PDB file of N, CA and C in Angstrom:
ATOM      1  N   UNK A   1     125.126 106.128 104.247  1.00  0.00           N
ATOM      2  CA  UNK A   1     124.310 105.252 105.085  1.00  0.00           C
ATOM      3  C   UNK A   1     123.351 106.119 105.897  1.00  0.00           C
ATOM      4  N   UNK A   2     122.055 105.817 105.854  1.00  0.00           N
ATOM      5  CA  UNK A   2     121.084 106.630 106.597  1.00  0.00           C
ATOM      6  C   UNK A   2     121.228 106.440 108.101  1.00  0.00           C
ATOM      7  N   UNK A   3     120.832 107.472 108.821  1.00  0.00           N
ATOM      8  CA  UNK A   3     120.894 107.414 110.284  1.00  0.00           C
ATOM      9  C   UNK A   3     119.745 106.564 110.816  1.00  0.00           C
ATOM     10  N   UNK A   4     119.983 105.847 111.930  1.00  0.00           N
ATOM     11  CA  UNK A   4     118.904 105.015 112.486  1.00  0.00           C
ATOM     12  C   UNK A   4     117.799 105.878 113.092  1.00  0.00           C
ATOM     13  N   UNK A   5     116.577 105.390 112.987  1.00  0.00           N
ATOM     14  CA  UNK A   5     115.441 106.110 113.553  1.00  0.00           C
ATOM     15  C   UNK A   5     115.338 105.804 115.047  1.00  0.00           C
ATOM     16  N   UNK A   6     114.471 106.535 115.719  1.00  0.00           N
ATOM     17  CA  UNK A   6     114.269 106.322 117.156  1.00  0.00           C
ATOM     18  C   UNK A   6     113.709 104.921 117.424  1.00  0.00           C
ATOM     19  N   UNK A   7     112.847 104.442 116.557  1.00  0.00           N
ATOM     20  CA  UNK A   7     112.286 103.100 116.734  1.00  0.00           C
ATOM     21  C   UNK A   7     113.369 102.034 116.602  1.00  0.00           C
ATOM     22  N   UNK A   8     114.264 102.206 115.646  1.00  0.00           N
ATOM     23  CA  UNK A   8     115.347 101.248 115.477  1.00  0.00           C
ATOM     24  C   UNK A   8     116.255 101.219 116.705  1.00  0.00           C
ATOM     25  N   UNK A   9     116.586 102.391 117.231  1.00  0.00           N
ATOM     26  CA  UNK A   9     117.428 102.448 118.430  1.00  0.00           C
ATOM     27  C   UNK A   9     116.733 101.813 119.632  1.00  0.00           C
ATOM     28  N   UNK A  10     115.452 102.091 119.789  1.00  0.00           N
ATOM     29  CA  UNK A  10     114.713 101.551 120.930  1.00  0.00           C
ATOM     30  C   UNK A  10     114.591 100.027 120.850  1.00  0.00           C
ATOM     31  N   UNK A  11     114.181  99.512 119.687  1.00  0.00           N
ATOM     32  CA  UNK A  11     114.037  98.057 119.537  1.00  0.00           C
ATOM     33  C   UNK A  11     115.376  97.344 119.688  1.00  0.00           C
ATOM     34  N   UNK A  12     116.416  97.908 119.094  1.00  0.00           N
ATOM     35  CA  UNK A  12     117.731  97.285 119.191  1.00  0.00           C
ATOM     36  C   UNK A  12     118.260  97.275 120.614  1.00  0.00           C
ATOM     37  N   UNK A  13     118.115  98.382 121.328  1.00  0.00           N
ATOM     38  CA  UNK A  13     118.595  98.459 122.708  1.00  0.00           C
ATOM     39  C   UNK A  13     117.832  97.516 123.629  1.00  0.00           C
ATOM     40  N   UNK A  14     116.524  97.499 123.487  1.00  0.00           N
ATOM     41  CA  UNK A  14     115.711  96.592 124.317  1.00  0.00           C
ATOM     42  C   UNK A  14     116.054  95.140 124.039  1.00  0.00           C
ATOM     43  N   UNK A  15     116.301  94.829 122.776  1.00  0.00           N
ATOM     44  CA  UNK A  15     116.657  93.456 122.421  1.00  0.00           C
ATOM     45  C   UNK A  15     117.981  93.053 123.050  1.00  0.00           C
ATOM     46  N   UNK A  16     118.966  93.953 123.015  1.00  0.00           N
ATOM     47  CA  UNK A  16     120.275  93.648 123.589  1.00  0.00           C
ATOM     48  C   UNK A  16     120.151  93.402 125.089  1.00  0.00           C
ATOM     49  N   UNK A  17     119.469  94.295 125.791  1.00  0.00           N
ATOM     50  CA  UNK A  17     119.369  94.173 127.246  1.00  0.00           C
ATOM     51  C   UNK A  17     118.580  92.925 127.638  1.00  0.00           C
ATOM     52  N   UNK A  18     117.410  92.745 127.058  1.00  0.00           N
ATOM     53  CA  UNK A  18     116.561  91.623 127.441  1.00  0.00           C
ATOM     54  C   UNK A  18     117.161  90.266 127.046  1.00  0.00           C
ATOM     55  N   UNK A  19     117.763  90.201 125.865  1.00  0.00           N
ATOM     56  CA  UNK A  19     118.348  88.923 125.462  1.00  0.00           C
ATOM     57  C   UNK A  19     119.596  88.601 126.281  1.00  0.00           C
ATOM     58  N   UNK A  20     120.363  89.609 126.677  1.00  0.00           N
ATOM     59  CA  UNK A  20     121.530  89.360 127.531  1.00  0.00           C
ATOM     60  C   UNK A  20     121.094  88.804 128.878  1.00  0.00           C
ATOM     61  N   UNK A  21     120.117  89.439 129.483  1.00  0.00           N
ATOM     62  CA  UNK A  21     119.625  88.962 130.780  1.00  0.00           C
ATOM     63  C   UNK A  21     119.053  87.559 130.663  1.00  0.00           C
ATOM     64  N   UNK A  22     118.261  87.321 129.627  1.00  0.00           N
ATOM     65  CA  UNK A  22     117.642  86.001 129.456  1.00  0.00           C
ATOM     66  C   UNK A  22     118.693  84.922 129.235  1.00  0.00           C
ATOM     67  N   UNK A  23     119.674  85.191 128.381  1.00  0.00           N
ATOM     68  CA  UNK A  23     120.695  84.173 128.113  1.00  0.00           C
ATOM     69  C   UNK A  23     121.591  83.926 129.327  1.00  0.00           C
ATOM     70  N   UNK A  24     121.891  84.984 130.092  1.00  0.00           N
ATOM     71  CA  UNK A  24     122.699  84.791 131.301  1.00  0.00           C
ATOM     72  C   UNK A  24     121.942  83.970 132.344  1.00  0.00           C
ATOM     73  N   UNK A  25     120.654  84.221 132.481  1.00  0.00           N
ATOM     74  CA  UNK A  25     119.863  83.456 133.447  1.00  0.00           C
ATOM     75  C   UNK A  25     119.673  82.007 133.013  1.00  0.00           C
ATOM     76  N   UNK A  26     119.463  81.795 131.725  1.00  0.00           N
ATOM     77  CA  UNK A  26     119.232  80.439 131.240  1.00  0.00           C
ATOM     78  C   UNK A  26     120.507  79.599 131.213  1.00  0.00           C
ATOM     79  N   UNK A  27     121.632  80.222 130.877  1.00  0.00           N
ATOM     80  CA  UNK A  27     122.873  79.452 130.779  1.00  0.00           C
ATOM     81  C   UNK A  27     123.554  79.250 132.126  1.00  0.00           C
ATOM     82  N   UNK A  28     123.287  80.129 133.068  1.00  0.00           N
ATOM     83  CA  UNK A  28     123.889  80.081 134.411  1.00  0.00           C
ATOM     84  C   UNK A  28     125.418  80.020 134.347  1.00  0.00           C
ATOM     85  N   UNK A  29     125.993  80.730 133.389  1.00  0.00           N
ATOM     86  CA  UNK A  29     127.445  80.738 133.248  1.00  0.00           C
ATOM     87  C   UNK A  29     128.057  81.754 134.201  1.00  0.00           C
ATOM     88  N   UNK A  30     129.269  81.467 134.641  1.00  0.00           N
ATOM     89  CA  UNK A  30     129.972  82.402 135.516  1.00  0.00           C
ATOM     90  C   UNK A  30     131.383  82.682 134.999  1.00  0.00           C
ATOM     91  N   UNK A  31     131.751  82.061 133.878  1.00  0.00           N
ATOM     92  CA  UNK A  31     133.085  82.298 133.329  1.00  0.00           C
ATOM     93  C   UNK A  31     133.095  83.553 132.471  1.00  0.00           C
ATOM     94  N   UNK A  32     134.231  84.173 132.362  1.00  0.00           N
ATOM     95  CA  UNK A  32     134.364  85.388 131.564  1.00  0.00           C
ATOM     96  C   UNK A  32     134.152  85.143 130.092  1.00  0.00           C
ATOM     97  N   UNK A  33     134.601  84.004 129.600  1.00  0.00           N
ATOM     98  CA  UNK A  33     134.430  83.668 128.190  1.00  0.00           C
ATOM     99  C   UNK A  33     132.956  83.455 127.868  1.00  0.00           C
ATOM    100  N   UNK A  34     132.239  82.775 128.739  1.00  0.00           N
ATOM    101  CA  UNK A  34     130.814  82.546 128.521  1.00  0.00           C
ATOM    102  C   UNK A  34     130.025  83.846 128.504  1.00  0.00           C
ATOM    103  N   UNK A  35     130.364  84.752 129.411  1.00  0.00           N
ATOM    104  CA  UNK A  35     129.678  86.058 129.462  1.00  0.00           C
ATOM    105  C   UNK A  35     129.996  86.861 128.203  1.00  0.00           C
ATOM    106  N   UNK A  36     131.240  86.794 127.742  1.00  0.00           N
ATOM    107  CA  UNK A  36     131.622  87.525 126.532  1.00  0.00           C
ATOM    108  C   UNK A  36     130.889  86.986 125.308  1.00  0.00           C
ATOM    109  N   UNK A  37     130.749  85.673 125.217  1.00  0.00           N
ATOM    110  CA  UNK A  37     130.024  85.072 124.089  1.00  0.00           C
ATOM    111  C   UNK A  37     128.559  85.487 124.118  1.00  0.00           C
ATOM    112  N   UNK A  38     127.964  85.485 125.291  1.00  0.00           N
ATOM    113  CA  UNK A  38     126.555  85.884 125.423  1.00  0.00           C
ATOM    114  C   UNK A  38     126.385  87.360 125.072  1.00  0.00           C
ATOM    115  N   UNK A  39     127.312  88.205 125.527  1.00  0.00           N
ATOM    116  CA  UNK A  39     127.229  89.639 125.210  1.00  0.00           C
ATOM    117  C   UNK A  39     127.369  89.865 123.712  1.00  0.00           C
ATOM    118  N   UNK A  40     128.290  89.166 123.067  1.00  0.00           N
ATOM    119  CA  UNK A  40     128.454  89.298 121.619  1.00  0.00           C
ATOM    120  C   UNK A  40     127.205  88.826 120.880  1.00  0.00           C
ATOM    121  N   UNK A  41     126.633  87.717 121.305  1.00  0.00           N
ATOM    122  CA  UNK A  41     125.418  87.207 120.666  1.00  0.00           C
ATOM    123  C   UNK A  41     124.253  88.174 120.843  1.00  0.00           C
ATOM    124  N   UNK A  42     124.147  88.781 122.026  1.00  0.00           N
ATOM    125  CA  UNK A  42     123.071  89.750 122.272  1.00  0.00           C
ATOM    126  C   UNK A  42     123.249  90.997 121.409  1.00  0.00           C
ATOM    127  N   UNK A  43     124.491  91.458 121.251  1.00  0.00           N
ATOM    128  CA  UNK A  43     124.736  92.617 120.387  1.00  0.00           C
ATOM    129  C   UNK A  43     124.395  92.310 118.934  1.00  0.00           C
ATOM    130  N   UNK A  44     124.754  91.113 118.475  1.00  0.00           N
ATOM    131  CA  UNK A  44     124.432  90.723 117.102  1.00  0.00           C
ATOM    132  C   UNK A  44     122.922  90.631 116.902  1.00  0.00           C
ATOM    133  N   UNK A  45     122.228  90.073 117.888  1.00  0.00           N
ATOM    134  CA  UNK A  45     120.770  89.976 117.800  1.00  0.00           C
ATOM    135  C   UNK A  45     120.121  91.362 117.817  1.00  0.00           C
ATOM    136  N   UNK A  46     120.630  92.257 118.660  1.00  0.00           N
ATOM    137  CA  UNK A  46     120.101  93.623 118.702  1.00  0.00           C
ATOM    138  C   UNK A  46     120.318  94.361 117.396  1.00  0.00           C
ATOM    139  N   UNK A  47     121.470  94.154 116.769  1.00  0.00           N
ATOM    140  CA  UNK A  47     121.740  94.781 115.474  1.00  0.00           C
ATOM    141  C   UNK A  47     120.808  94.221 114.409  1.00  0.00           C
ATOM    142  N   UNK A  48     120.581  92.939 114.436  1.00  0.00           N
ATOM    143  CA  UNK A  48     119.668  92.319 113.475  1.00  0.00           C
ATOM    144  C   UNK A  48     118.250  92.865 113.628  1.00  0.00           C
ATOM    145  N   UNK A  49     117.790  92.978 114.866  1.00  0.00           N
ATOM    146  CA  UNK A  49     116.438  93.501 115.109  1.00  0.00           C
ATOM    147  C   UNK A  49     116.346  94.961 114.677  1.00  0.00           C
ATOM    148  N   UNK A  50     117.364  95.749 114.985  1.00  0.00           N
ATOM    149  CA  UNK A  50     117.337  97.169 114.632  1.00  0.00           C
ATOM    150  C   UNK A  50     117.325  97.378 113.121  1.00  0.00           C
ATOM    151  N   UNK A  51     118.000  96.522 112.389  1.00  0.00           N
ATOM    152  CA  UNK A  51     118.061  96.691 110.938  1.00  0.00           C
ATOM    153  C   UNK A  51     116.804  96.179 110.238  1.00  0.00           C
ATOM    154  N   UNK A  52     116.025  95.330 110.895  1.00  0.00           N
ATOM    155  CA  UNK A  52     114.814  94.807 110.260  1.00  0.00           C
ATOM    156  C   UNK A  52     113.554  95.583 110.622  1.00  0.00           C
ATOM    157  N   UNK A  53     113.662  96.592 111.486  1.00  0.00           N
ATOM    158  CA  UNK A  53     112.507  97.434 111.797  1.00  0.00           C
ATOM    159  C   UNK A  53     112.161  98.225 110.539  1.00  0.00           C
ATOM    160  N   UNK A  54     110.899  98.216 110.106  1.00  0.00           N
ATOM    161  CA  UNK A  54     110.542  98.937 108.887  1.00  0.00           C
ATOM    162  C   UNK A  54     110.782 100.435 109.028  1.00  0.00           C
ATOM    163  N   UNK A  55     111.393 101.009 108.007  1.00  0.00           N
ATOM    164  CA  UNK A  55     111.681 102.441 107.979  1.00  0.00           C
ATOM    165  C   UNK A  55     110.581 103.121 107.178  1.00  0.00           C
ATOM    166  N   UNK A  56     109.996 104.195 107.698  1.00  0.00           N
ATOM    167  CA  UNK A  56     108.938 104.875 106.939  1.00  0.00           C
ATOM    168  C   UNK A  56     109.502 105.489 105.663  1.00  0.00           C
ATOM    169  N   UNK A  57     108.737 105.364 104.584  1.00  0.00           N
ATOM    170  CA  UNK A  57     109.164 105.906 103.297  1.00  0.00           C
ATOM    171  C   UNK A  57     108.858 107.387 103.205  1.00  0.00           C
ATOM    172  N   UNK A  58     109.313 108.014 102.158  1.00  0.00           N
ATOM    173  CA  UNK A  58     109.040 109.446 101.983  1.00  0.00           C
ATOM    174  C   UNK A  58     107.556 109.691 101.740  1.00  0.00           C
ATOM    175  N   UNK A  59     107.021 110.639 102.442  1.00  0.00           N
ATOM    176  CA  UNK A  59     105.584 110.916 102.328  1.00  0.00           C
ATOM    177  C   UNK A  59     105.253 111.697 101.069  1.00  0.00           C
ATOM    178  N   UNK A  60     106.154 112.536 100.616  1.00  0.00           N
ATOM    179  CA  UNK A  60     105.868 113.360  99.445  1.00  0.00           C
ATOM    180  C   UNK A  60     105.727 112.512  98.189  1.00  0.00           C
ATOM    181  N   UNK A  61     106.466 111.434  98.085  1.00  0.00           N
ATOM    182  CA  UNK A  61     106.390 110.594  96.890  1.00  0.00           C
ATOM    183  C   UNK A  61     105.104 109.785  96.854  1.00  0.00           C
ATOM    184  N   UNK A  62     104.513 109.534  98.005  1.00  0.00           N
ATOM    185  CA  UNK A  62     103.297 108.732  98.050  1.00  0.00           C
ATOM    186  C   UNK A  62     102.079 109.517  97.566  1.00  0.00           C
ATOM    187  N   UNK A  63     102.101 110.814  97.769  1.00  0.00           N
ATOM    188  CA  UNK A  63     100.959 111.642  97.356  1.00  0.00           C
ATOM    189  C   UNK A  63     101.124 112.095  95.915  1.00  0.00           C
ATOM    190  N   UNK A  64     100.019 112.090  95.184  1.00  0.00           N
ATOM    191  CA  UNK A  64     100.056 112.602  93.821  1.00  0.00           C
ATOM    192  C   UNK A  64      99.426 113.981  93.816  1.00  0.00           C
ATOM    193  N   UNK A  65      99.928 114.878  92.981  1.00  0.00           N
ATOM    194  CA  UNK A  65      99.316 116.204  92.879  1.00  0.00           C
ATOM    195  C   UNK A  65      97.885 116.111  92.347  1.00  0.00           C
ATOM    196  N   UNK A  66      97.106 117.133  92.616  1.00  0.00           N
ATOM    197  CA  UNK A  66      95.692 117.139  92.233  1.00  0.00           C
ATOM    198  C   UNK A  66      95.511 117.107  90.722  1.00  0.00           C
ATOM    199  N   UNK A  67      96.413 117.733  89.960  1.00  0.00           N
ATOM    200  CA  UNK A  67      96.242 117.734  88.515  1.00  0.00           C
ATOM    201  C   UNK A  67      96.471 116.355  87.902  1.00  0.00           C
ATOM    202  N   UNK A  68      97.227 115.492  88.578  1.00  0.00           N
ATOM    203  CA  UNK A  68      97.402 114.133  88.093  1.00  0.00           C
ATOM    204  C   UNK A  68      96.144 113.297  88.315  1.00  0.00           C
ATOM    205  N   UNK A  69      95.349 113.646  89.304  1.00  0.00           N
ATOM    206  CA  UNK A  69      94.146 112.884  89.609  1.00  0.00           C
ATOM    207  C   UNK A  69      92.965 113.324  88.747  1.00  0.00           C
ATOM    208  N   UNK A  70      93.008 114.520  88.179  1.00  0.00           N
ATOM    209  CA  UNK A  70      91.893 115.034  87.395  1.00  0.00           C
ATOM    210  C   UNK A  70      91.596 114.181  86.161  1.00  0.00           C
ATOM    211  N   UNK A  71      92.591 113.746  85.371  1.00  0.00           N
ATOM    212  CA  UNK A  71      92.248 112.926  84.203  1.00  0.00           C
ATOM    213  C   UNK A  71      91.578 111.601  84.563  1.00  0.00           C
ATOM    214  N   UNK A  72      91.844 111.073  85.715  1.00  0.00           N
ATOM    215  CA  UNK A  72      91.215 109.818  86.117  1.00  0.00           C
ATOM    216  C   UNK A  72      89.710 109.997  86.287  1.00  0.00           C
ATOM    217  N   UNK A  73      89.303 111.163  86.714  1.00  0.00           N
ATOM    218  CA  UNK A  73      87.874 111.428  86.880  1.00  0.00           C
ATOM    219  C   UNK A  73      87.179 111.575  85.532  1.00  0.00           C
ATOM    220  N   UNK A  74      87.898 112.073  84.517  1.00  0.00           N
ATOM    221  CA  UNK A  74      87.289 112.253  83.207  1.00  0.00           C
ATOM    222  C   UNK A  74      86.986 110.920  82.546  1.00  0.00           C
ATOM    223  N   UNK A  75      87.738 109.895  82.864  1.00  0.00           N
ATOM    224  CA  UNK A  75      87.543 108.598  82.240  1.00  0.00           C
ATOM    225  C   UNK A  75      86.561 107.716  83.011  1.00  0.00           C
ATOM    226  N   UNK A  76      85.949 108.261  84.023  1.00  0.00           N
ATOM    227  CA  UNK A  76      84.985 107.473  84.796  1.00  0.00           C
ATOM    228  C   UNK A  76      83.760 107.201  83.923  1.00  0.00           C
ATOM    229  N   UNK A  77      83.057 106.145  84.270  1.00  0.00           N
ATOM    230  CA  UNK A  77      81.883 105.780  83.494  1.00  0.00           C
ATOM    231  C   UNK A  77      80.801 106.836  83.648  1.00  0.00           C
ATOM    232  N   UNK A  78      80.244 107.215  82.520  1.00  0.00           N
ATOM    233  CA  UNK A  78      79.158 108.191  82.528  1.00  0.00           C
ATOM    234  C   UNK A  78      77.842 107.436  82.593  1.00  0.00           C
ATOM    235  N   UNK A  79      76.836 108.010  83.252  1.00  0.00           N
ATOM    236  CA  UNK A  79      75.538 107.319  83.326  1.00  0.00           C
ATOM    237  C   UNK A  79      74.901 107.220  81.931  1.00  0.00           C
ATOM    238  N   UNK A  80      74.316 106.086  81.671  1.00  0.00           N
ATOM    239  CA  UNK A  80      73.672 105.849  80.389  1.00  0.00           C
ATOM    240  C   UNK A  80      72.234 106.350  80.488  1.00  0.00           C
ATOM    241  N   UNK A  81      71.799 107.219  79.553  1.00  0.00           N
ATOM    242  CA  UNK A  81      70.416 107.708  79.612  1.00  0.00           C
ATOM    243  C   UNK A  81      69.422 106.586  79.271  1.00  0.00           C
ATOM    244  N   UNK A  82      68.369 106.555  80.024  1.00  0.00           N
ATOM    245  CA  UNK A  82      67.334 105.542  79.828  1.00  0.00           C
ATOM    246  C   UNK A  82      66.198 106.201  79.052  1.00  0.00           C
ATOM    247  N   UNK A  83      65.818 105.606  77.930  1.00  0.00           N
ATOM    248  CA  UNK A  83      64.723 106.225  77.137  1.00  0.00           C
ATOM    249  C   UNK A  83      63.394 106.093  77.884  1.00  0.00           C
ATOM    250  N   UNK A  84      62.627 107.170  77.805  1.00  0.00           N
ATOM    251  CA  UNK A  84      61.318 107.192  78.465  1.00  0.00           C
ATOM    252  C   UNK A  84      60.262 106.941  77.381  1.00  0.00           C
ATOM    253  N   UNK A  85      59.444 105.932  77.617  1.00  0.00           N
ATOM    254  CA  UNK A  85      58.389 105.620  76.665  1.00  0.00           C
ATOM    255  C   UNK A  85      57.087 106.279  77.102  1.00  0.00           C
ATOM    256  N   UNK A  86      56.177 106.427  76.182  1.00  0.00           N
ATOM    257  CA  UNK A  86      54.900 107.091  76.474  1.00  0.00           C
ATOM    258  C   UNK A  86      54.011 106.274  77.400  1.00  0.00           C
ATOM    259  N   UNK A  87      54.147 104.939  77.411  1.00  0.00           N
ATOM    260  CA  UNK A  87      53.271 104.138  78.227  1.00  0.00           C
ATOM    261  C   UNK A  87      53.689 104.139  79.705  1.00  0.00           C
ATOM    262  N   UNK A  88      54.928 104.500  79.989  1.00  0.00           N
ATOM    263  CA  UNK A  88      55.369 104.467  81.383  1.00  0.00           C
ATOM    264  C   UNK A  88      55.085 105.770  82.109  1.00  0.00           C
ATOM    265  N   UNK A  89      54.618 106.775  81.382  1.00  0.00           N
ATOM    266  CA  UNK A  89      54.299 108.059  82.044  1.00  0.00           C
ATOM    267  C   UNK A  89      52.870 108.042  82.557  1.00  0.00           C
ATOM    268  N   UNK A  90      52.706 108.651  83.697  1.00  0.00           N
ATOM    269  CA  UNK A  90      51.337 108.796  84.241  1.00  0.00           C
ATOM    270  C   UNK A  90      50.963 110.262  84.229  1.00  0.00           C
ATOM    271  N   UNK A  91      49.673 110.491  84.010  1.00  0.00           N
ATOM    272  CA  UNK A  91      49.192 111.870  84.021  1.00  0.00           C
ATOM    273  C   UNK A  91      48.330 112.132  85.189  1.00  0.00           C
TER     274      UNK A  91
END
């Protein structure tokens, strides 16, 4: 299992803290069971957010070596020569 990135940790932690505070303020609960349910829900939401943050892919695989790009240039369209007629020339 890959290690979480700094962005995943930051988004997940912020989600847990902010959603816990928001749910506690909105529900106005004071019982221990209610607080435990809200804390569990906030942790689950933080885990969900942390796992859905896009992870950057490997940079080396995205780049192609220069020799792989050379044949693509050879197949490019070549300019078509335009015949020059005697009447279009000026002296």
